Protein backbone atom coordinates (compact mmCIF):
# COMPACT_ATOMS: atom_id res chain seq x y z
CA MET A 1 -0.06 0.08 -0.01
CA ASP A 2 1.41 3.21 -1.02
CA THR A 3 0.17 5.21 2.13
CA ARG A 4 2.27 7.81 3.84
CA PHE A 5 2.12 8.48 7.54
CA GLU A 6 1.37 12.17 8.11
CA GLY A 7 0.78 12.34 11.89
CA ILE A 8 -1.28 11.33 14.90
CA VAL A 9 -4.48 13.28 16.12
CA ARG A 10 -5.51 12.94 19.77
CA LEU A 11 -9.18 11.95 20.44
CA ASP A 12 -9.08 11.54 24.01
CA ALA A 13 -6.41 10.77 26.95
CA SER A 14 -5.69 7.31 25.34
CA LEU A 15 -7.34 7.28 21.77
CA PHE A 16 -5.60 8.61 18.79
CA GLN A 17 -6.31 8.67 15.07
CA ILE A 18 -3.74 8.18 12.56
CA VAL A 19 -3.68 10.64 9.58
CA THR A 20 -2.37 9.24 6.40
CA SER A 21 -2.02 10.38 2.59
CA GLN A 22 -1.38 8.45 -0.42
CA THR A 23 -0.14 9.28 -3.94
CA ARG A 24 -2.77 9.30 -6.77
CA VAL A 25 -3.59 5.63 -8.05
CA GLU A 26 -3.87 5.42 -11.81
CA PHE A 27 -5.45 2.39 -13.65
CA ALA A 28 -7.08 0.79 -10.56
CA LYS A 29 -10.54 -0.39 -9.97
CA GLU A 30 -12.75 -0.76 -6.73
CA GLY A 31 -11.95 -3.85 -4.89
CA SER A 32 -14.88 -6.22 -4.40
CA LYS A 33 -16.16 -7.03 -0.93
CA GLN A 34 -14.79 -10.56 -1.29
CA GLN A 35 -11.30 -9.21 -2.31
CA ILE A 36 -11.04 -6.63 0.59
CA ALA A 37 -12.16 -9.43 3.14
CA ARG A 38 -9.54 -11.78 1.86
CA GLU A 39 -6.86 -9.06 1.93
CA MET A 40 -7.82 -7.94 5.43
CA LYS A 41 -7.75 -11.46 6.62
CA SER A 42 -4.40 -12.10 5.35
CA ARG A 43 -3.02 -8.99 7.15
CA GLY A 44 -4.33 -10.69 10.40
CA PHE A 45 -7.67 -8.58 10.89
CA TYR A 46 -11.09 -9.88 11.71
CA PHE A 47 -14.44 -8.16 11.08
CA ASP A 48 -16.45 -7.31 14.19
CA THR A 49 -19.82 -5.19 13.43
CA ALA A 50 -18.42 -2.18 11.30
CA TRP A 51 -14.61 -2.49 11.99
CA TRP A 52 -11.71 -4.65 10.80
CA ILE A 53 -9.60 -5.25 14.01
CA HIS A 54 -6.22 -6.45 14.58
CA PRO A 55 -5.05 -7.88 17.67
CA ILE A 56 -2.11 -5.76 17.93
CA GLY A 57 -4.59 -2.91 18.76
CA ALA A 58 -5.75 -1.21 15.61
CA LYS A 59 -9.12 -0.85 13.95
CA ILE A 60 -10.22 -0.03 10.57
CA SER A 61 -13.58 1.18 9.21
CA ASP A 62 -15.07 2.10 5.85
CA ALA A 63 -12.94 -0.53 3.98
CA VAL A 64 -15.63 -0.92 1.47
CA PRO A 65 -15.35 -0.96 -2.44
CA ASP A 66 -15.66 2.87 -2.95
CA ASN A 67 -12.79 3.36 -0.62
CA VAL A 68 -10.34 0.57 -1.59
CA LEU A 69 -8.60 0.35 -4.76
CA VAL A 70 -6.85 -2.48 -6.45
CA ASP A 71 -4.24 -1.63 -9.28
CA SER A 72 -3.39 -3.82 -12.18
CA GLU A 73 -0.58 -5.53 -10.09
CA GLY A 74 -2.94 -6.71 -7.44
CA ARG A 75 -1.75 -3.97 -4.71
CA PHE A 76 -4.36 -2.68 -2.41
CA HIS A 77 -4.91 1.05 -1.94
CA PHE A 78 -6.95 2.17 1.04
CA ILE A 79 -7.90 5.75 0.03
CA ASP A 80 -10.60 6.76 2.49
CA VAL A 81 -10.64 4.66 5.81
CA TYR A 82 -10.56 5.35 9.45
CA ILE A 83 -7.86 3.76 11.42
CA GLN A 84 -8.11 4.16 15.38
CA ASN A 85 -6.16 2.18 18.24
CA THR A 86 -7.98 -0.03 20.49
CA ARG A 87 -5.26 -0.13 23.18
CA PRO A 88 -3.32 2.81 24.68
CA ILE A 89 -0.71 3.97 21.90
CA LEU A 90 2.31 3.38 24.23
CA GLU A 91 1.34 -0.25 24.99
CA ILE A 92 1.13 -0.77 21.09
CA VAL A 93 4.58 0.73 20.47
CA GLY A 94 6.07 -1.23 23.29
CA ASP A 95 4.67 -4.41 21.94
CA LEU A 96 5.94 -3.64 18.58
CA ALA A 97 9.46 -2.67 19.84
CA ALA A 98 9.77 -5.99 21.89
């Protein structure tokens, strides 16, 4: 995914929202619900109500065909999704560093 990390916005004392941007994606089509589900599951996410949740402590919403493009090489581009942490950010960073 050609997505650049822009920063973090604090929502409250322990929840943050990640802000990203991506380059223009040429010659891509909307991913189907099945393609998106397969990609998310391959990355360790599971679906719960309206969120794709990863055990590390992240959740993604709005990963639907209008917001997920697949290019001619099969790469996924998430162009308008919401990402939030489900655990305190310092806890997540500590787990990633271990």
